[in-house]
Amino acid sequence: MFLAFASEMGVRYLDSWVDSLTDEVRNEFAAILEGLQVLPRQFWRRPQFDLLAEPYQGIGEIRFKADRKQFRVFGFFGPRAQQFILLHACIK
């Protein structure tokens, strides 16, 4: 299960970000999420996922390429089992 982080005012940053993407990028992101959703956490690996090193321990990144760019969506696991909270996205 993927959840998008909401601000105190209820704004879900990732929803706005996804809405701003081209169809190609949005489709690639959706495909990555669908693929990860059916995999147990221990099988989340590169190239689609990686955990960040110190000092960002506990933060993971969903990684994908589309439209000749590299995208990163950052988040963390929990608090429930099989749950990944989406926090922020960027183009690398």
Protein backbone atom coordinates (compact mmCIF):
# COMPACT_ATOMS: atom_id res chain seq x y z
CA MET A 1 0.00 0.00 0.00
CA PHE A 2 1.29 3.45 -0.91
CA LEU A 3 0.19 6.57 0.95
CA ALA A 4 0.99 10.15 0.04
CA PHE A 5 2.03 12.46 2.85
CA ALA A 6 -0.39 15.33 3.43
CA SER A 7 0.52 18.71 4.91
CA GLU A 8 -1.30 20.13 7.92
CA MET A 9 -3.59 21.91 5.49
CA GLY A 10 -4.44 18.62 3.75
CA VAL A 11 -2.43 19.35 0.61
CA ARG A 12 -0.97 16.18 -0.85
CA TYR A 13 2.21 17.31 -2.58
CA LEU A 14 2.61 14.08 -4.56
CA ASP A 15 -0.88 14.39 -6.07
CA SER A 16 0.03 17.80 -7.48
CA TRP A 17 3.38 16.46 -8.69
CA VAL A 18 1.78 13.47 -10.44
CA ASP A 19 -0.82 15.73 -12.06
CA SER A 20 2.02 17.85 -13.52
CA LEU A 21 3.70 14.87 -15.23
CA THR A 22 3.43 13.99 -18.89
CA ASP A 23 1.44 10.87 -19.75
CA GLU A 24 4.67 8.96 -20.45
CA VAL A 25 6.16 9.78 -17.05
CA ARG A 26 2.90 9.20 -15.19
CA ASN A 27 2.47 5.79 -16.85
CA GLU A 28 6.04 4.75 -15.98
CA PHE A 29 5.56 5.83 -12.36
CA ALA A 30 2.28 3.91 -12.15
CA ALA A 31 3.95 0.79 -13.59
CA ILE A 32 6.77 0.99 -11.02
CA LEU A 33 4.27 1.39 -8.16
CA GLU A 34 2.19 -1.54 -9.42
CA GLY A 35 5.27 -3.73 -9.67
CA LEU A 36 6.55 -2.87 -6.20
CA GLN A 37 3.11 -3.27 -4.66
CA VAL A 38 3.03 -7.02 -5.41
CA LEU A 39 6.60 -7.66 -4.19
CA PRO A 40 7.43 -8.37 -0.55
CA ARG A 41 9.62 -5.61 0.88
CA GLN A 42 12.77 -7.76 0.95
CA PHE A 43 12.67 -7.90 -2.86
CA TRP A 44 12.51 -4.13 -3.37
CA ARG A 45 15.88 -3.48 -5.04
CA ARG A 46 17.62 -1.49 -7.72
CA PRO A 47 16.91 -0.32 -10.29
CA GLN A 48 13.37 0.45 -9.04
CA PHE A 49 14.17 1.04 -5.35
CA ASP A 50 17.09 1.82 -3.07
CA LEU A 51 17.62 2.84 0.55
CA LEU A 52 19.57 6.03 1.13
CA ALA A 53 22.83 6.00 3.08
CA GLU A 54 23.70 7.97 6.23
CA PRO A 55 22.61 10.55 7.27
CA TYR A 56 19.28 9.65 5.59
CA GLN A 57 18.85 6.23 7.19
CA GLY A 58 15.27 5.02 7.00
CA ILE A 59 14.48 6.92 3.79
CA GLY A 60 14.04 5.03 0.55
CA GLU A 61 13.72 6.16 -3.04
CA ILE A 62 11.57 4.80 -5.83
CA ARG A 63 13.65 5.27 -8.96
CA PHE A 64 12.61 5.34 -12.60
CA LYS A 65 13.55 6.78 -15.97
CA ALA A 66 11.11 8.35 -18.40
CA ASP A 67 11.21 11.09 -21.00
CA ARG A 68 15.06 10.88 -20.94
CA LYS A 69 15.12 11.96 -17.26
CA GLN A 70 15.71 10.20 -13.94
CA PHE A 71 12.99 10.54 -11.32
CA ARG A 72 13.19 9.90 -7.58
CA VAL A 73 10.27 9.61 -5.18
CA PHE A 74 11.34 9.58 -1.54
CA GLY A 75 9.52 7.95 1.35
CA PHE A 76 9.73 5.52 4.24
CA PHE A 77 8.20 2.21 5.38
CA GLY A 78 5.45 1.98 7.97
CA PRO A 79 3.89 2.39 10.34
CA ARG A 80 1.93 -0.65 9.13
CA ALA A 81 3.37 -3.71 7.45
CA GLN A 82 3.56 -3.45 3.65
CA GLN A 83 3.05 0.32 3.79
CA PHE A 84 5.31 2.91 2.12
CA ILE A 85 4.64 6.60 2.77
CA LEU A 86 5.46 8.84 -0.22
CA LEU A 87 7.01 12.14 0.88
CA HIS A 88 8.66 14.04 -1.92
CA ALA A 89 9.65 13.70 -5.58
CA CYS A 90 12.32 15.21 -7.79
CA ILE A 91 14.02 14.94 -11.15
CA LYS A 92 17.68 14.02 -10.84
